Protein backbone atom coordinates (compact mmCIF):
# COMPACT_ATOMS: atom_id res chain seq x y z
CA MET A 1 -80.28 -42.63 -22.06
CA SER A 2 -80.07 -43.18 -18.31
CA ASP A 3 -83.62 -44.52 -18.31
CA TYR A 4 -82.66 -47.47 -20.53
CA LYS A 5 -80.96 -50.67 -19.56
CA VAL A 6 -79.70 -53.65 -21.54
CA ARG A 7 -81.57 -56.71 -20.31
CA GLY A 8 -81.41 -60.39 -21.03
CA ARG A 9 -82.03 -63.84 -19.70
CA ILE A 10 -79.65 -66.72 -19.67
CA TRP A 11 -80.20 -70.44 -19.85
CA VAL A 12 -78.23 -73.53 -20.74
CA ALA A 13 -79.51 -75.47 -23.73
CA LYS A 14 -78.59 -78.81 -25.19
CA GLU A 15 -76.87 -78.83 -28.58
CA ASN A 16 -80.23 -79.45 -30.26
CA GLY A 17 -81.55 -76.23 -28.70
CA ALA A 18 -83.74 -77.90 -26.08
CA PRO A 19 -83.63 -75.98 -22.78
CA PHE A 20 -81.82 -77.69 -19.92
CA LEU A 21 -81.28 -75.09 -17.21
CA GLY A 22 -82.80 -71.68 -16.76
CA PRO A 23 -84.01 -69.44 -13.97
CA GLY A 24 -87.16 -71.51 -13.31
CA ARG A 25 -85.40 -74.84 -12.99
CA ILE A 26 -82.64 -73.25 -10.94
CA SER A 27 -85.25 -71.79 -8.57
CA LEU A 28 -86.78 -75.24 -8.20
CA LEU A 29 -83.39 -76.81 -7.43
CA GLN A 30 -82.65 -74.08 -4.89
CA LYS A 31 -85.99 -74.58 -3.14
CA ILE A 32 -85.46 -78.35 -3.04
CA GLU A 33 -82.07 -77.70 -1.45
CA ASP A 34 -83.61 -75.28 1.06
CA LEU A 35 -86.74 -77.28 1.92
CA GLY A 36 -85.74 -80.92 1.36
CA SER A 37 -88.90 -81.77 -0.56
CA ILE A 38 -90.19 -81.49 -4.11
CA ARG A 39 -93.72 -80.91 -2.80
CA ALA A 40 -92.62 -78.10 -0.46
CA ALA A 41 -90.48 -76.56 -3.22
CA ALA A 42 -93.41 -76.65 -5.65
CA LYS A 43 -95.72 -75.03 -3.12
CA ALA A 44 -93.19 -72.30 -2.33
CA LEU A 45 -92.84 -71.53 -6.04
CA GLY A 46 -96.58 -71.62 -6.74
CA MET A 47 -96.41 -74.58 -9.11
CA SER A 48 -98.14 -77.92 -9.04
CA TYR A 49 -96.37 -80.89 -7.52
CA ARG A 50 -96.84 -82.74 -10.80
CA ARG A 51 -95.03 -80.01 -12.76
CA ALA A 52 -92.20 -79.86 -10.23
CA TRP A 53 -91.84 -83.65 -10.29
CA ARG A 54 -91.72 -83.66 -14.09
CA LEU A 55 -89.08 -80.94 -14.11
CA VAL A 56 -86.95 -82.91 -11.65
CA GLU A 57 -87.36 -86.06 -13.72
CA SER A 58 -86.37 -84.13 -16.84
CA LEU A 59 -83.30 -82.62 -15.17
CA ASN A 60 -82.16 -86.02 -13.92
CA ARG A 61 -82.79 -87.65 -17.29
CA GLU A 62 -81.10 -84.92 -19.35
CA SER A 63 -78.09 -84.54 -17.07
CA PRO A 64 -75.10 -86.84 -17.42
CA VAL A 65 -75.27 -87.35 -13.63
CA LEU A 66 -78.08 -87.44 -11.05
CA LEU A 67 -78.90 -83.94 -9.75
CA VAL A 68 -81.76 -84.66 -7.33
CA SER A 69 -82.00 -87.73 -5.14
CA THR A 70 -85.40 -88.72 -3.77
CA THR A 71 -86.55 -91.03 -1.02
CA VAL A 72 -89.99 -92.62 -0.93
CA GLY A 73 -92.33 -91.62 1.88
CA GLY A 74 -93.27 -93.85 4.74
CA ALA A 75 -93.30 -93.56 8.50
CA GLY A 76 -90.48 -91.00 8.40
CA GLY A 77 -91.80 -89.32 5.27
CA GLY A 78 -90.05 -88.96 1.96
CA GLY A 79 -87.84 -86.22 0.76
CA ALA A 80 -85.51 -84.93 -1.87
CA ARG A 81 -82.04 -83.51 -1.78
CA LEU A 82 -79.52 -82.25 -4.26
CA THR A 83 -76.63 -84.53 -5.00
CA PRO A 84 -73.13 -83.05 -4.99
CA ALA A 85 -73.55 -82.62 -8.76
CA GLY A 86 -76.85 -80.79 -8.19
CA LYS A 87 -75.17 -78.42 -5.74
CA ALA A 88 -72.33 -77.87 -8.22
CA ILE A 89 -74.84 -77.05 -10.98
CA LEU A 90 -76.47 -74.43 -8.72
CA GLU A 91 -73.11 -72.84 -8.00
CA MET A 92 -72.11 -72.94 -11.67
CA PHE A 93 -75.35 -71.26 -12.74
CA GLU A 94 -75.02 -68.58 -10.05
CA ASP A 95 -71.51 -67.80 -11.33
CA LEU A 96 -72.75 -67.76 -14.92
CA GLU A 97 -75.61 -65.44 -13.97
CA ALA A 98 -73.24 -63.08 -12.15
CA HIS A 99 -70.93 -62.87 -15.17
CA PHE A 100 -73.91 -62.32 -17.45
CA GLN A 101 -75.20 -59.48 -15.26
CA GLU A 102 -71.76 -57.85 -15.35
CA PHE A 103 -71.81 -58.13 -19.15
CA LEU A 104 -75.26 -56.51 -19.32
CA GLU A 105 -74.12 -53.64 -17.10
CA GLN A 106 -71.02 -53.08 -19.26
CA GLU A 107 -73.11 -53.03 -22.42
CA THR A 108 -75.59 -50.63 -20.83
CA GLU A 109 -72.75 -48.28 -20.02
CA LYS A 110 -71.40 -48.50 -23.60
CA ILE A 111 -74.81 -47.62 -25.00
CA ARG A 112 -75.21 -44.70 -22.60
CA LYS A 113 -71.81 -43.31 -23.58
CA LYS A 114 -72.57 -43.74 -27.27
CA PHE A 115 -75.85 -41.85 -27.01
CA GLU A 116 -74.21 -39.11 -24.96
CA SER A 117 -71.58 -38.68 -27.68
CA LEU A 118 -74.32 -38.28 -30.30
CA LYS A 119 -75.91 -35.28 -28.60
């Protein structure tokens, strides 16, 4: 049974089941934090700027607080940054993901032991 592993993905959904946060949106937020731009984040993730912009709009609209703050371009250029709430959401999701991975590892070990006992 050592060649099997319990796997799963985690996301945060609204009460109606609509997805709010998952690995893709978290990656986008992280890239915006790292690069300071929705366009640069989209390019780094291999997605269109339009898709990235829509995801940011959706996150900001669905969240009770603003997660990404944008500035319009001009002589100095525009940009985007995570608000303190956006940074907190990243940290919260990283913690959630770490706990989830621990859970998956524990369940994998339980399954391995169970199969070993059945031999």
